[in-house]
C-alpha cells in the first residue's frame, strides 16, 4: 500500500519534534507573547463577549483576561477568536496564513488541560506552525480564489498536527487526527461583503477543531489516510486541485524551519496592506494631505478581490472591521493619522470626513510582475495640485523576514496591547516573565484570568 502524504508527514513530525528547542524556541516565545497581548487587547470587545457567552461548556482552561474558565475547546475558540479579531496577529509571507492565532490557543488549552511539560507545548507549537506555513505553499492562492480563508482551512489541519505532537501521539493516531479534521475544516470569505465578524472566529474554530479531532483519534476514531491528496480530499475540496507541490510540505521538514520567518504585524489591518501604509507614511512627511489630487497604487491581481473591489465600497467602508480590509482607507490613514493601529479602526474614526475624502481619491493598477504571494510589496504614487508626482515603493513587509521586529519591539507591542485591553503594567510584566520560562516548566494560565 502506497504511503500517503499524511503518513509521510506523521513520520517527519515525529523525527522533528525533539529538535525545535534551539531552532524554534525564540519564534515560539514571540508567538505566545504576541497572541496573548492581542487576546487582552480584544477582551472587552463585543465579538469576544459574544464568543465567550455562546460557549456552553465550562472547564478548567483559561480564556486570557477572563474570570470564567472553559473546556479546552472553548478556551482555544475564545482565545483564537480574540487573537485574530483585530487582524493584528502574525502572518506568513508566501501563504498568507495566520499561524499563531490558531496554534498557540490550541496548544495552550491542551497543555493546560493535560498538564503537559513545557517542552511538549513547544514541540506542539513548532510542528503546528510549521505544518500550517508549509501547507499554504502546496497550492498558492487557490484556496482564496475558491472563496475560502486559508487560515481557517489549513489551520484546522495544523491544529490537529500540533495537538497530536504535543501529546506525543503515535503515528497512526497522528494520521487519524489529520484525516478526521479534514471533515471539520471550514471558513468562507463572504465577511468581505459587509465587514461581518466571521473571519474573526476562523482561527478559534480551527484551533478547537484540531483538539476535537485529536481527541477522537486518541479514542480510536479512524480518518482517511489520503485526506490531503485524495480524489475527494481537502485540497480538492478547498483549492480545487490535487496537483499540489507536496514537496513544499515534506521536503526538509524539521531540518529547515519555514515558520521561523513568520512576520509580526506593525499595523492592525490586512496583511498585504502593511507595506502600502509604510509608503503612505513616508510620503506624508513630504506633502500636505489637502494638496492630494489622486493616489494610485500598483497591486497584485491576487489581492484585488479582497482589498480593492468593489472600489466604491472600499473607498467608503461600512464599518470599522471592513476598513481593515480596505486598501484605500488604510492608505488614507497612513497619510492622515501616520499609523494603522487599533485607534485607526473605531466606528467614529472610519466615518471621519477627512479620511474618507482621501480614501475616495485612492485607486489601483494591476502590476502583472508583482511577486505576491511570495513577497508582500507596497507602492503609492500621489499627484498633487501643483502638478508634482511623488512615489514610494517598499519591496517587503516590515515585520517580516527582510525587516523583522525585534524581541524588544514585540514586547513593546504586547505592553501597548495590554494597556489597550485594561491590564496593569504589573500584569503585563508577569505574563512576559511567564513566557520566558513556560517551555522550561509547564503551562499554567490561571494567574492571567482577570
Protein backbone atom coordinates (compact mmCIF):
# COMPACT_ATOMS: atom_id res chain seq x y z
CA UNK A 1 0.00 0.00 0.00
CA UNK A 2 1.42 3.38 -1.04
CA UNK A 3 2.35 5.62 1.86
CA UNK A 4 0.02 8.64 1.98
CA UNK A 5 1.06 12.26 2.40
CA UNK A 6 -0.31 12.38 5.94
CA UNK A 7 1.63 9.23 6.85
CA UNK A 8 4.84 10.75 5.50
CA UNK A 9 4.07 13.94 7.40
CA UNK A 10 3.49 11.98 10.62
CA UNK A 11 6.90 10.35 10.27
CA UNK A 12 8.58 13.70 9.58
CA UNK A 13 6.85 15.36 12.54
CA UNK A 14 7.89 12.51 14.83
CA UNK A 15 11.53 12.95 13.80
CA UNK A 16 11.34 16.73 14.15
CA UNK A 17 9.52 17.00 17.49
CA UNK A 18 12.68 16.63 19.56
CA UNK A 19 14.66 19.20 17.62
CA UNK A 20 12.77 22.52 17.65
CA UNK A 21 14.03 23.82 21.00
CA UNK A 22 17.02 25.66 19.54
CA UNK A 23 15.74 26.47 16.07
CA UNK A 24 12.24 27.47 17.03
CA UNK A 25 12.12 28.48 20.68
CA UNK A 26 12.63 32.21 20.08
CA UNK A 27 9.85 32.24 17.47
CA UNK A 28 7.54 30.26 19.76
CA UNK A 29 8.09 32.68 22.64
CA UNK A 30 7.36 35.61 20.32
CA UNK A 31 4.17 33.93 19.16
CA UNK A 32 2.97 33.35 22.73
CA UNK A 33 3.72 36.96 23.68
CA UNK A 34 2.08 38.47 20.59
CA UNK A 35 -1.03 36.27 20.76
CA UNK A 36 -1.51 36.90 24.48
CA UNK A 37 -1.30 40.66 24.02
CA UNK A 38 -3.89 40.54 21.27
CA UNK A 39 -6.20 38.45 23.45
CA UNK A 40 -6.00 41.09 26.15
CA UNK A 41 -6.46 43.97 23.70
CA UNK A 42 -9.70 42.40 22.42
CA UNK A 43 -11.06 41.01 25.69
CA UNK A 44 -13.66 43.76 26.19
CA UNK A 45 -14.84 43.78 22.58
CA UNK A 46 -18.37 42.87 21.60
CA UNK A 47 -17.29 39.92 19.46
CA UNK A 48 -15.18 38.35 22.24
CA UNK A 49 -18.03 38.79 24.72
CA UNK A 50 -20.32 37.05 22.23
CA UNK A 51 -17.87 34.18 21.72
CA UNK A 52 -17.45 33.70 25.48
CA UNK A 53 -21.16 33.91 26.21
CA UNK A 54 -22.12 31.50 23.43
CA UNK A 55 -19.76 28.73 24.54
CA UNK A 56 -21.78 26.36 26.66
CA UNK A 57 -19.17 24.11 28.27
CA UNK A 58 -17.17 25.24 31.27
CA UNK A 59 -13.99 23.54 32.42
CA UNK A 60 -10.50 24.14 33.78
CA UNK A 61 -8.89 26.01 30.88
CA UNK A 62 -8.20 29.74 30.58
CA UNK A 63 -9.59 32.37 28.28
CA UNK A 64 -6.91 35.02 28.76
CA UNK A 65 -8.19 38.06 30.61
CA UNK A 66 -11.47 36.42 31.68
CA UNK A 67 -12.54 35.00 35.02
CA UNK A 68 -14.72 32.28 33.54
CA UNK A 69 -12.93 29.02 32.73
CA UNK A 70 -13.89 26.78 29.83
CA UNK A 71 -13.24 23.33 28.46
CA UNK A 72 -10.15 23.07 26.26
CA UNK A 73 -12.09 23.53 23.02
CA UNK A 74 -13.83 26.60 24.42
CA UNK A 75 -10.61 28.20 25.63
CA UNK A 76 -8.99 27.59 22.24
CA UNK A 77 -12.04 29.03 20.47
CA UNK A 78 -12.26 32.20 22.56
CA UNK A 79 -8.52 32.86 22.59
CA UNK A 80 -8.20 32.17 18.87
CA UNK A 81 -11.10 34.49 18.07
CA UNK A 82 -9.68 37.24 20.28
CA UNK A 83 -6.16 36.86 18.89
CA UNK A 84 -7.30 37.31 15.28
CA UNK A 85 -10.14 39.72 15.94
CA UNK A 86 -8.27 42.92 15.13
CA UNK A 87 -6.17 41.40 12.31
CA UNK A 88 -3.04 42.41 14.20
CA UNK A 89 -1.61 38.89 14.51
CA UNK A 90 1.33 37.24 12.76
CA UNK A 91 1.27 36.23 9.11
CA UNK A 92 3.35 34.14 6.74
CA UNK A 93 4.87 35.61 3.59
CA UNK A 94 4.14 33.02 0.96
CA UNK A 95 0.77 31.88 2.33
CA UNK A 96 -0.66 34.03 3.63
CA UNK A 97 -1.86 32.30 6.79
CA UNK A 98 -2.10 33.35 10.44
CA UNK A 99 -0.42 30.52 12.33
CA UNK A 100 -0.15 31.97 15.83
CA UNK A 101 -3.86 32.67 16.33
CA UNK A 102 -4.65 29.00 15.63
CA UNK A 103 -1.73 27.07 17.05
CA UNK A 104 -0.96 28.96 20.26
CA UNK A 105 -4.56 28.84 21.62
CA UNK A 106 -4.89 25.15 20.72
CA UNK A 107 -1.62 24.10 22.34
CA UNK A 108 -2.02 26.27 25.45
CA UNK A 109 -5.50 24.85 26.04
CA UNK A 110 -4.42 21.22 25.70
CA UNK A 111 -1.25 21.80 27.72
CA UNK A 112 -3.30 23.36 30.50
CA UNK A 113 -5.93 20.61 30.40
CA UNK A 114 -3.43 17.75 30.46
CA UNK A 115 -0.66 19.46 32.45
CA UNK A 116 1.85 18.86 29.68
CA UNK A 117 5.52 19.72 30.19
CA UNK A 118 6.59 22.96 28.60
CA UNK A 119 8.90 21.15 26.18
CA UNK A 120 5.90 19.26 24.77
CA UNK A 121 3.98 22.52 24.35
CA UNK A 122 6.99 23.93 22.49
CA UNK A 123 7.08 20.91 20.20
CA UNK A 124 3.34 21.26 19.51
CA UNK A 125 3.62 24.94 18.62
CA UNK A 126 6.66 24.29 16.43
CA UNK A 127 5.15 21.40 14.46
CA UNK A 128 1.72 23.05 14.22
CA UNK A 129 3.11 26.33 12.90
CA UNK A 130 5.46 24.54 10.51
CA UNK A 131 2.65 22.40 9.08
CA UNK A 132 0.44 25.45 8.61
CA UNK A 133 3.08 27.53 6.81
CA UNK A 134 4.23 24.69 4.58
CA UNK A 135 0.66 23.61 3.78
CA UNK A 136 -0.04 27.12 2.47
CA UNK A 137 2.69 26.66 -0.17
CA UNK A 138 1.24 23.49 -1.71
CA UNK A 139 -1.30 25.28 -3.92
CA UNK A 140 -0.67 29.04 -3.54
CA UNK A 141 -3.63 31.42 -3.99
CA UNK A 142 -6.04 28.62 -4.91
CA UNK A 143 -7.85 28.44 -1.56
CA UNK A 144 -8.53 32.19 -1.51
CA UNK A 145 -9.57 32.10 -5.17
CA UNK A 146 -12.07 29.33 -4.39
CA UNK A 147 -13.73 31.59 -1.79
CA UNK A 148 -12.25 30.13 1.39
CA UNK A 149 -10.00 31.55 4.11
CA UNK A 150 -6.65 29.68 4.08
CA UNK A 151 -6.15 30.27 7.81
CA UNK A 152 -9.46 28.58 8.54
CA UNK A 153 -8.90 25.59 6.26
CA UNK A 154 -5.23 24.92 6.86
CA UNK A 155 -5.45 25.99 10.49
CA UNK A 156 -7.64 23.01 11.34
CA UNK A 157 -5.08 20.68 9.80
CA UNK A 158 -2.19 22.36 11.61
CA UNK A 159 -4.01 22.46 14.93
CA UNK A 160 -4.60 18.71 14.80
CA UNK A 161 -0.93 18.15 13.93
CA UNK A 162 0.24 20.41 16.76
CA UNK A 163 -2.05 18.86 19.38
CA UNK A 164 -1.10 15.32 18.36
CA UNK A 165 2.58 16.26 18.58
CA UNK A 166 2.25 17.92 21.98
CA UNK A 167 0.61 14.76 23.31
CA UNK A 168 3.28 12.51 21.77
CA UNK A 169 0.69 10.68 19.70
CA UNK A 170 1.70 7.55 17.81
CA UNK A 171 1.92 7.87 14.03
CA UNK A 172 -1.41 6.13 13.40
CA UNK A 173 -3.13 8.47 15.85
CA UNK A 174 -1.49 11.49 14.18
CA UNK A 175 -2.69 10.32 10.74
CA UNK A 176 -6.22 9.72 12.00
CA UNK A 177 -6.31 13.17 13.62
CA UNK A 178 -5.47 14.75 10.26
CA UNK A 179 -8.00 12.57 8.48
CA UNK A 180 -10.74 13.49 10.93
CA UNK A 181 -10.06 17.22 10.98
CA UNK A 182 -10.37 17.39 7.20
CA UNK A 183 -14.12 16.96 7.73
CA UNK A 184 -14.16 19.80 10.27
CA UNK A 185 -12.29 22.42 8.21
CA UNK A 186 -14.43 25.37 7.12
CA UNK A 187 -14.38 29.12 6.61
CA UNK A 188 -15.70 31.22 3.70
CA UNK A 189 -14.66 34.81 2.99
CA UNK A 190 -18.09 36.38 2.46
CA UNK A 191 -17.34 38.58 5.50
CA UNK A 192 -15.73 40.87 2.92
CA UNK A 193 -19.13 41.92 1.58
CA UNK A 194 -20.21 43.93 4.63
CA UNK A 195 -17.47 43.69 7.25
CA UNK A 196 -19.21 40.88 9.16
CA UNK A 197 -17.43 39.20 12.07
CA UNK A 198 -16.97 35.66 10.78
CA UNK A 199 -13.30 35.98 9.78
CA UNK A 200 -12.59 36.72 13.42
CA UNK A 201 -13.78 33.30 14.57
CA UNK A 202 -11.96 31.28 11.91
CA UNK A 203 -8.71 30.71 13.87
CA UNK A 204 -10.60 29.89 17.08
CA UNK A 205 -12.82 27.42 15.26
CA UNK A 206 -9.81 25.80 13.63
CA UNK A 207 -7.98 25.61 16.96
CA UNK A 208 -10.85 23.81 18.69
CA UNK A 209 -11.40 21.57 15.65
CA UNK A 210 -7.84 20.32 15.96
CA UNK A 211 -8.37 19.48 19.62
CA UNK A 212 -11.60 17.62 18.92
CA UNK A 213 -10.06 15.68 16.02
CA UNK A 214 -7.04 14.69 18.11
CA UNK A 215 -9.33 13.60 20.96
CA UNK A 216 -11.36 11.45 18.57
CA UNK A 217 -8.20 9.90 17.13
CA UNK A 218 -6.90 9.09 20.60
CA UNK A 219 -10.20 7.37 21.36
CA UNK A 220 -9.76 5.17 18.28
CA UNK A 221 -11.82 7.01 15.65
CA UNK A 222 -10.48 6.48 12.12
CA UNK A 223 -10.00 9.14 9.45
CA UNK A 224 -8.93 8.79 5.79
CA UNK A 225 -5.17 8.37 5.22
CA UNK A 226 -5.43 10.29 1.95
CA UNK A 227 -7.18 13.32 3.43
CA UNK A 228 -4.77 15.71 1.70
CA UNK A 229 -4.10 14.31 -1.77
CA UNK A 230 -7.16 12.11 -2.24
CA UNK A 231 -9.68 12.40 -5.06
CA UNK A 232 -12.17 13.83 -2.58
CA UNK A 233 -9.58 15.24 -0.17
CA UNK A 234 -9.02 18.59 1.48
CA UNK A 235 -7.14 20.24 -1.41
CA UNK A 236 -9.67 19.01 -3.95
CA UNK A 237 -12.47 20.50 -1.84
CA UNK A 238 -10.92 23.83 -0.90
CA UNK A 239 -8.27 24.50 -3.57
CA UNK A 240 -9.98 22.64 -6.44
CA UNK A 241 -6.83 20.67 -7.22
CA UNK A 242 -5.00 17.51 -6.23
CA UNK A 243 -1.91 18.54 -8.20
CA UNK A 244 -0.22 20.43 -5.38
CA UNK A 245 3.51 20.65 -4.77
CA UNK A 246 3.72 18.17 -1.90
CA UNK A 247 7.45 18.68 -1.66
CA UNK A 248 6.78 22.12 -0.19
CA UNK A 249 5.14 20.35 2.74
CA UNK A 250 7.51 17.42 3.21
CA UNK A 251 10.99 18.22 1.90
CA UNK A 252 13.37 19.09 4.71
CA UNK A 253 10.62 19.05 7.32
CA UNK A 254 12.30 19.54 10.70
CA UNK A 255 15.63 20.35 9.06
CA UNK A 256 14.62 23.72 7.60
CA UNK A 257 12.14 25.54 9.82
CA UNK A 258 10.00 27.59 7.44
CA UNK A 259 7.93 29.08 10.27
CA UNK A 260 10.88 30.91 11.82
CA UNK A 261 10.26 33.50 9.08
CA UNK A 262 6.77 34.34 10.37
CA UNK A 263 6.04 38.06 10.09
CA UNK A 264 4.72 40.06 13.05
CA UNK A 265 2.44 42.91 12.04
CA UNK A 266 3.16 46.54 12.90
CA UNK A 267 -0.40 47.55 11.88
CA UNK A 268 -3.87 46.25 12.80
CA UNK A 269 -5.08 45.63 9.25
CA UNK A 270 -4.88 43.20 6.34
CA UNK A 271 -1.52 41.59 5.68
CA UNK A 272 -0.90 42.80 2.14
CA UNK A 273 -1.86 46.35 3.12
CA UNK A 274 1.02 46.77 5.58
CA UNK A 275 3.77 47.96 3.16
CA UNK A 276 1.33 50.36 1.49
CA UNK A 277 0.76 52.06 4.82
CA UNK A 278 4.52 52.45 5.22
CA UNK A 279 4.71 54.07 1.77
CA UNK A 280 1.90 56.49 2.61
CA UNK A 281 3.57 57.44 5.91
CA UNK A 282 6.83 58.22 4.10
CA UNK A 283 5.04 60.40 1.55
CA UNK A 284 3.08 62.17 4.29
CA UNK A 285 6.34 63.69 5.53
CA UNK A 286 6.80 65.43 2.17
CA UNK A 287 3.29 66.71 1.38
CA UNK A 288 0.14 68.21 2.81
CA UNK A 289 -2.87 65.86 2.57
CA UNK A 290 -5.10 68.67 1.35
CA UNK A 291 -2.87 69.01 -1.74
CA UNK A 292 -3.56 65.44 -2.93
CA UNK A 293 -5.41 65.18 -6.25
CA UNK A 294 -5.29 61.42 -6.59
CA UNK A 295 -3.39 58.35 -5.42
CA UNK A 296 -2.54 55.28 -7.49
CA UNK A 297 -1.22 52.03 -6.01
CA UNK A 298 0.24 49.19 -8.01
CA UNK A 299 -1.33 45.98 -6.73
CA UNK A 300 -1.07 42.23 -7.20
CA UNK A 301 -4.02 40.77 -9.10
CA UNK A 302 -4.50 38.15 -6.37
CA UNK A 303 -5.26 40.79 -3.74
CA UNK A 304 -7.79 42.85 -5.67
CA UNK A 305 -10.94 40.89 -4.81
CA UNK A 306 -10.24 41.19 -1.08
CA UNK A 307 -8.67 44.63 -0.66
CA UNK A 308 -9.72 46.77 -3.64
CA UNK A 309 -13.05 45.71 -5.11
CA UNK A 310 -15.75 46.84 -5.31
CA UNK A 311 -13.72 50.06 -5.30
CA UNK A 312 -16.54 52.43 -4.30
CA UNK A 313 -17.32 50.29 -1.25
CA UNK A 314 -13.65 50.03 -0.30
CA UNK A 315 -13.31 53.81 -0.55
CA UNK A 316 -16.13 54.16 1.98
CA UNK A 317 -16.08 51.08 4.23
CA UNK A 318 -19.37 50.36 6.03
CA UNK A 319 -17.79 49.80 9.45
CA UNK A 320 -14.52 49.66 11.34
CA UNK A 321 -13.87 45.99 10.68
CA UNK A 322 -14.43 46.36 6.94
CA UNK A 323 -11.93 49.24 6.97
CA UNK A 324 -9.16 46.80 7.94
CA UNK A 325 -9.58 45.17 4.51
CA UNK A 326 -9.90 48.43 2.58
CA UNK A 327 -6.67 49.45 0.91
CA UNK A 328 -7.98 52.97 0.18
CA UNK A 329 -8.91 53.57 3.83
CA UNK A 330 -5.64 52.22 5.19
CA UNK A 331 -3.58 54.29 2.75
CA UNK A 332 -5.59 57.35 3.77
CA UNK A 333 -4.92 56.55 7.43
CA UNK A 334 -1.21 56.35 6.66
CA UNK A 335 -1.36 59.84 5.16
CA UNK A 336 -3.53 61.48 7.82
CA UNK A 337 -3.01 59.53 11.04
CA UNK A 338 0.53 58.33 10.48
CA UNK A 339 -0.42 54.79 11.58
CA UNK A 340 -2.93 51.97 11.28
CA UNK A 341 -3.02 50.95 14.91
CA UNK A 342 -6.08 49.89 16.87
CA UNK A 343 -7.19 53.52 17.25
CA UNK A 344 -7.49 53.87 13.46
CA UNK A 345 -10.32 51.32 13.40
CA UNK A 346 -13.07 52.68 15.60
CA UNK A 347 -16.58 53.33 14.31
CA UNK A 348 -16.05 57.06 14.87
CA UNK A 349 -12.71 57.16 13.08
CA UNK A 350 -13.87 55.35 9.94
CA UNK A 351 -16.56 57.99 9.48
CA UNK A 352 -14.08 60.87 9.62
CA UNK A 353 -14.74 63.06 6.59
CA UNK A 354 -11.07 63.93 6.05
CA UNK A 355 -10.09 60.25 5.95
CA UNK A 356 -12.94 59.36 3.62
CA UNK A 357 -12.08 62.29 1.35
CA UNK A 358 -8.55 60.96 0.86
CA UNK A 359 -9.74 57.36 0.54
CA UNK A 360 -12.07 58.42 -2.28
CA UNK A 361 -9.01 59.50 -4.29
CA UNK A 362 -7.15 56.20 -3.92
CA UNK A 363 -7.33 53.67 -6.75
CA UNK A 364 -5.20 50.83 -8.08
CA UNK A 365 -3.47 49.49 -11.16
CA UNK A 366 -2.64 45.79 -11.51
CA UNK A 367 1.07 45.06 -11.57
CA UNK A 368 1.49 41.83 -13.57
CA UNK A 369 5.01 41.37 -12.20
CA UNK A 370 4.09 41.66 -8.53
CA UNK A 371 5.72 38.76 -6.60
CA UNK A 372 2.66 38.07 -4.40
CA UNK A 373 2.25 35.74 -2.55
CA UNK A 374 5.99 35.08 -2.19
CA UNK A 375 6.57 38.69 -1.15
CA UNK A 376 4.26 41.42 0.12
CA UNK A 377 5.24 44.71 -1.50
CA UNK A 378 3.94 48.27 -1.38
CA UNK A 379 3.65 51.14 -3.84
CA UNK A 380 1.95 54.54 -3.57
CA UNK A 381 2.06 57.28 -6.22
CA UNK A 382 0.47 60.63 -5.43
CA UNK A 383 -0.38 63.52 -7.76
CA UNK A 384 -0.52 66.95 -6.15
CA UNK A 385 -2.37 70.17 -7.02
CA UNK A 386 0.84 71.83 -8.17
CA UNK A 387 1.37 69.06 -10.74
CA UNK A 388 4.12 67.21 -8.90
CA UNK A 389 4.05 63.42 -8.78
CA UNK A 390 5.72 61.69 -5.86
CA UNK A 391 6.05 57.98 -5.30
CA UNK A 392 7.28 55.46 -2.75
CA UNK A 393 7.97 51.76 -3.10
CA UNK A 394 8.66 49.11 -0.49
CA UNK A 395 9.76 45.66 -1.58
CA UNK A 396 8.84 43.83 1.59
CA UNK A 397 6.59 43.80 4.62
CA UNK A 398 8.08 45.45 7.68
CA UNK A 399 7.98 42.88 10.46
CA UNK A 400 8.78 40.07 8.03
CA UNK A 401 11.91 38.23 7.00
CA UNK A 402 13.57 41.25 5.36
CA UNK A 403 12.94 43.67 8.24
CA UNK A 404 11.86 41.68 11.31
CA UNK A 405 10.55 43.19 14.51
CA UNK A 406 12.96 42.54 17.37
CA UNK A 407 12.04 40.81 20.61
CA UNK A 408 12.02 44.26 22.23
CA UNK A 409 9.65 45.52 19.52
CA UNK A 410 7.30 42.58 20.15
CA UNK A 411 7.36 43.10 23.90
CA UNK A 412 6.56 46.78 23.45
CA UNK A 413 3.66 45.89 21.14
CA UNK A 414 2.49 43.44 23.81
CA UNK A 415 2.62 46.10 26.54
CA UNK A 416 0.65 48.58 24.43
CA UNK A 417 -1.97 45.96 23.65
CA UNK A 418 -2.27 45.14 27.35
CA UNK A 419 -2.80 48.81 28.17
CA UNK A 420 -5.46 48.98 25.45
CA UNK A 421 -7.22 45.98 26.99
CA UNK A 422 -7.09 47.30 30.55
CA UNK A 423 -4.29 45.26 32.08
CA UNK A 424 -1.93 46.91 34.52
CA UNK A 425 1.79 47.19 33.91
CA UNK A 426 2.35 44.60 36.63
CA UNK A 427 0.02 42.10 34.93
CA UNK A 428 1.80 42.58 31.61
CA UNK A 429 5.23 42.09 33.16
CA UNK A 430 4.08 38.93 34.94
CA UNK A 431 2.99 37.44 31.65
CA UNK A 432 6.30 38.33 29.98
CA UNK A 433 8.12 36.56 32.80
CA UNK A 434 5.85 33.53 32.29
CA UNK A 435 6.55 33.47 28.54
CA UNK A 436 10.31 33.40 29.12
CA UNK A 437 10.08 30.29 31.31
CA UNK A 438 6.93 28.41 30.22
CA UNK A 439 8.73 25.99 27.92
CA UNK A 440 11.11 25.02 30.73
CA UNK A 441 8.37 24.16 33.22
CA UNK A 442 4.66 23.86 32.49
CA UNK A 443 1.66 25.80 31.23
CA UNK A 444 -0.40 27.41 34.00
CA UNK A 445 -2.50 30.31 32.78
CA UNK A 446 -4.57 30.66 35.95
CA UNK A 447 -2.77 33.87 37.05
CA UNK A 448 -3.96 35.56 33.84
CA UNK A 449 -7.72 35.12 34.16
CA UNK A 450 -8.53 38.73 35.04
